[in-house]
Amino acid sequence: MVEKMKNKISLKLIAAILAVVVVLSYGLARSYDLLAGPKIELLDLKDGQTINQELVLIKGEAKRIANLFLNGRQIFTNEMGAFNEPVLLFPGYNAITLSARDKFGREVNKKIIIINQS
């Protein structure tokens, strides 16, 4: 009789602990966007890259953002967070700055230098 009560208590304790772990895991997974902040990833261009054309297409992906800016000018993403924006380059060194801000005011900046040899 005492053995059955101990087994019931053990099963209830295990079930309660499992429920708490599941709820905490779900909460952490759902709050990842809140904790991670904005992210910018460029797809084609690399910092210091040399190209031979005046017009370049800046392509990339932005995640967890509210606003995205290219050299201070707001640009927009599609539903998946992808963007592509044409930029006219000057001969020589060109600094390109991408800034993203999330709805909590956190900001991330990505700056690359492109060398135009045309």
C-alpha atoms as a PDB file:
ATOM      1  CA  MET A   1       0.000   0.000   0.000  1.00  0.00           C
ATOM      2  CA  VAL A   2       2.781   2.414   0.943  1.00  0.00           C
ATOM      3  CA  GLU A   3       4.667   1.290  -2.163  1.00  0.00           C
ATOM      4  CA  LYS A   4       1.703   2.231  -4.415  1.00  0.00           C
ATOM      5  CA  MET A   5       1.497   5.698  -2.846  1.00  0.00           C
ATOM      6  CA  LYS A   6       5.222   6.239  -3.392  1.00  0.00           C
ATOM      7  CA  ASN A   7       4.850   5.199  -7.056  1.00  0.00           C
ATOM      8  CA  LYS A   8       1.899   7.578  -7.540  1.00  0.00           C
ATOM      9  CA  ILE A   9       3.817  10.445  -5.965  1.00  0.00           C
ATOM     10  CA  SER A  10       6.867   9.661  -8.106  1.00  0.00           C
ATOM     11  CA  LEU A  11       4.770   9.587 -11.297  1.00  0.00           C
ATOM     12  CA  LYS A  12       3.067  12.875 -10.379  1.00  0.00           C
ATOM     13  CA  LEU A  13       6.424  14.471  -9.621  1.00  0.00           C
ATOM     14  CA  ILE A  14       7.909  13.295 -12.934  1.00  0.00           C
ATOM     15  CA  ALA A  15       4.823  14.520 -14.819  1.00  0.00           C
ATOM     16  CA  ALA A  16       5.002  17.919 -13.099  1.00  0.00           C
ATOM     17  CA  ILE A  17       8.713  18.306 -13.841  1.00  0.00           C
ATOM     18  CA  LEU A  18       8.162  17.296 -17.474  1.00  0.00           C
ATOM     19  CA  ALA A  19       5.321  19.822 -17.791  1.00  0.00           C
ATOM     20  CA  VAL A  20       7.508  22.603 -16.390  1.00  0.00           C
ATOM     21  CA  VAL A  21      10.347  21.715 -18.784  1.00  0.00           C
ATOM     22  CA  VAL A  22       7.976  21.721 -21.773  1.00  0.00           C
ATOM     23  CA  VAL A  23       6.469  25.094 -20.805  1.00  0.00           C
ATOM     24  CA  LEU A  24       9.897  26.675 -20.242  1.00  0.00           C
ATOM     25  CA  SER A  25      11.251  25.291 -23.525  1.00  0.00           C
ATOM     26  CA  TYR A  26       8.256  26.618 -25.430  1.00  0.00           C
ATOM     27  CA  GLY A  27       8.618  30.028 -23.782  1.00  0.00           C
ATOM     28  CA  LEU A  28      12.306  30.246 -24.672  1.00  0.00           C
ATOM     29  CA  ALA A  29      11.658  29.201 -28.265  1.00  0.00           C
ATOM     30  CA  ARG A  30       8.908  31.817 -28.656  1.00  0.00           C
ATOM     31  CA  SER A  31      11.022  34.574 -27.088  1.00  0.00           C
ATOM     32  CA  TYR A  32      14.073  33.930 -29.294  1.00  0.00           C
ATOM     33  CA  ASP A  33      13.190  36.861 -31.561  1.00  0.00           C
ATOM     34  CA  LEU A  34      12.973  39.120 -28.549  1.00  0.00           C
ATOM     35  CA  LEU A  35      16.324  37.970 -27.188  1.00  0.00           C
ATOM     36  CA  ALA A  36      18.287  37.689 -30.458  1.00  0.00           C
ATOM     37  CA  GLY A  37      17.816  41.185 -31.904  1.00  0.00           C
ATOM     38  CA  PRO A  38      18.091  42.229 -35.566  1.00  0.00           C
ATOM     39  CA  LYS A  39      20.393  40.528 -38.075  1.00  0.00           C
ATOM     40  CA  ILE A  40      21.657  41.574 -41.524  1.00  0.00           C
ATOM     41  CA  GLU A  41      23.306  39.190 -43.961  1.00  0.00           C
ATOM     42  CA  LEU A  42      24.696  40.215 -47.360  1.00  0.00           C
ATOM     43  CA  LEU A  43      24.546  37.545 -50.041  1.00  0.00           C
ATOM     44  CA  ASP A  44      26.753  38.576 -52.965  1.00  0.00           C
ATOM     45  CA  LEU A  45      29.172  41.288 -51.911  1.00  0.00           C
ATOM     46  CA  LYS A  46      32.161  40.966 -49.607  1.00  0.00           C
ATOM     47  CA  ASP A  47      34.008  43.697 -47.752  1.00  0.00           C
ATOM     48  CA  GLY A  48      36.917  44.965 -49.859  1.00  0.00           C
ATOM     49  CA  GLN A  49      35.601  43.415 -53.071  1.00  0.00           C
ATOM     50  CA  THR A  50      36.721  44.959 -56.366  1.00  0.00           C
ATOM     51  CA  ILE A  51      34.202  45.230 -59.202  1.00  0.00           C
ATOM     52  CA  ASN A  52      34.246  46.698 -62.705  1.00  0.00           C
ATOM     53  CA  GLN A  53      30.791  48.239 -62.962  1.00  0.00           C
ATOM     54  CA  GLU A  54      29.121  51.431 -61.808  1.00  0.00           C
ATOM     55  CA  LEU A  55      25.791  49.911 -60.783  1.00  0.00           C
ATOM     56  CA  VAL A  56      25.732  47.162 -58.189  1.00  0.00           C
ATOM     57  CA  LEU A  57      22.790  45.314 -56.673  1.00  0.00           C
ATOM     58  CA  ILE A  58      22.944  45.005 -52.883  1.00  0.00           C
ATOM     59  CA  LYS A  59      21.248  41.699 -52.033  1.00  0.00           C
ATOM     60  CA  GLY A  60      20.736  40.228 -48.637  1.00  0.00           C
ATOM     61  CA  GLU A  61      18.468  39.108 -45.873  1.00  0.00           C
ATOM     62  CA  ALA A  62      17.358  40.933 -42.748  1.00  0.00           C
ATOM     63  CA  LYS A  63      15.752  39.140 -39.837  1.00  0.00           C
ATOM     64  CA  ARG A  64      13.820  40.416 -36.838  1.00  0.00           C
ATOM     65  CA  ILE A  65      13.731  44.036 -38.060  1.00  0.00           C
ATOM     66  CA  ALA A  66      11.257  46.911 -38.002  1.00  0.00           C
ATOM     67  CA  ASN A  67      13.297  49.289 -40.211  1.00  0.00           C
ATOM     68  CA  LEU A  68      16.158  48.822 -42.671  1.00  0.00           C
ATOM     69  CA  PHE A  69      18.367  51.595 -44.046  1.00  0.00           C
ATOM     70  CA  LEU A  70      20.941  51.616 -46.852  1.00  0.00           C
ATOM     71  CA  ASN A  71      23.324  54.588 -46.571  1.00  0.00           C
ATOM     72  CA  GLY A  72      20.713  56.395 -44.466  1.00  0.00           C
ATOM     73  CA  ARG A  73      17.825  55.789 -46.892  1.00  0.00           C
ATOM     74  CA  GLN A  74      15.041  53.447 -45.828  1.00  0.00           C
ATOM     75  CA  ILE A  75      14.638  50.326 -47.949  1.00  0.00           C
ATOM     76  CA  PHE A  76      12.131  47.507 -47.663  1.00  0.00           C
ATOM     77  CA  THR A  77      12.185  43.734 -47.509  1.00  0.00           C
ATOM     78  CA  ASN A  78       9.768  41.133 -48.795  1.00  0.00           C
ATOM     79  CA  GLU A  79       7.790  38.809 -46.509  1.00  0.00           C
ATOM     80  CA  MET A  80      10.811  36.528 -46.113  1.00  0.00           C
ATOM     81  CA  GLY A  81      13.149  39.386 -45.149  1.00  0.00           C
ATOM     82  CA  ALA A  82      15.020  39.472 -48.474  1.00  0.00           C
ATOM     83  CA  PHE A  83      16.063  42.760 -50.014  1.00  0.00           C
ATOM     84  CA  ASN A  84      17.818  43.859 -53.196  1.00  0.00           C
ATOM     85  CA  GLU A  85      18.577  47.475 -53.867  1.00  0.00           C
ATOM     86  CA  PRO A  86      20.599  49.049 -56.705  1.00  0.00           C
ATOM     87  CA  VAL A  87      23.456  51.388 -55.749  1.00  0.00           C
ATOM     88  CA  LEU A  88      25.387  53.624 -58.112  1.00  0.00           C
ATOM     89  CA  LEU A  89      29.103  53.515 -57.295  1.00  0.00           C
ATOM     90  CA  PHE A  90      31.705  56.233 -57.695  1.00  0.00           C
ATOM     91  CA  PRO A  91      35.124  55.364 -59.128  1.00  0.00           C
ATOM     92  CA  GLY A  92      37.428  54.154 -56.343  1.00  0.00           C
ATOM     93  CA  TYR A  93      36.390  53.365 -52.782  1.00  0.00           C
ATOM     94  CA  ASN A  94      32.693  53.244 -51.862  1.00  0.00           C
ATOM     95  CA  ALA A  95      31.434  52.747 -48.313  1.00  0.00           C
ATOM     96  CA  ILE A  96      28.063  51.040 -48.058  1.00  0.00           C
ATOM     97  CA  THR A  97      26.304  50.981 -44.694  1.00  0.00           C
ATOM     98  CA  LEU A  98      23.267  48.900 -43.834  1.00  0.00           C
ATOM     99  CA  SER A  99      21.466  49.626 -40.567  1.00  0.00           C
ATOM    100  CA  ALA A 100      18.599  47.636 -39.109  1.00  0.00           C
ATOM    101  CA  ARG A 101      16.499  48.420 -36.069  1.00  0.00           C
ATOM    102  CA  ASP A 102      14.013  46.135 -34.355  1.00  0.00           C
ATOM    103  CA  LYS A 103      10.780  47.149 -32.648  1.00  0.00           C
ATOM    104  CA  PHE A 104      12.573  47.365 -29.292  1.00  0.00           C
ATOM    105  CA  GLY A 105      15.068  49.970 -30.549  1.00  0.00           C
ATOM    106  CA  ARG A 106      18.069  47.639 -30.815  1.00  0.00           C
ATOM    107  CA  GLU A 107      20.222  48.393 -33.828  1.00  0.00           C
ATOM    108  CA  VAL A 108      22.813  46.537 -35.865  1.00  0.00           C
ATOM    109  CA  ASN A 109      25.059  48.036 -38.554  1.00  0.00           C
ATOM    110  CA  LYS A 110      26.946  46.352 -41.361  1.00  0.00           C
ATOM    111  CA  LYS A 111      29.524  48.347 -43.310  1.00  0.00           C
ATOM    112  CA  ILE A 112      31.394  47.169 -46.390  1.00  0.00           C
ATOM    113  CA  ILE A 113      33.859  48.833 -48.723  1.00  0.00           C
ATOM    114  CA  ILE A 114      33.480  48.213 -52.463  1.00  0.00           C
ATOM    115  CA  ILE A 115      36.210  49.255 -54.887  1.00  0.00           C
ATOM    116  CA  ASN A 116      34.965  50.325 -58.317  1.00  0.00           C
ATOM    117  CA  GLN A 117      37.596  50.059 -61.051  1.00  0.00           C
ATOM    118  CA  SER A 118      35.434  51.065 -64.029  1.00  0.00           C
END
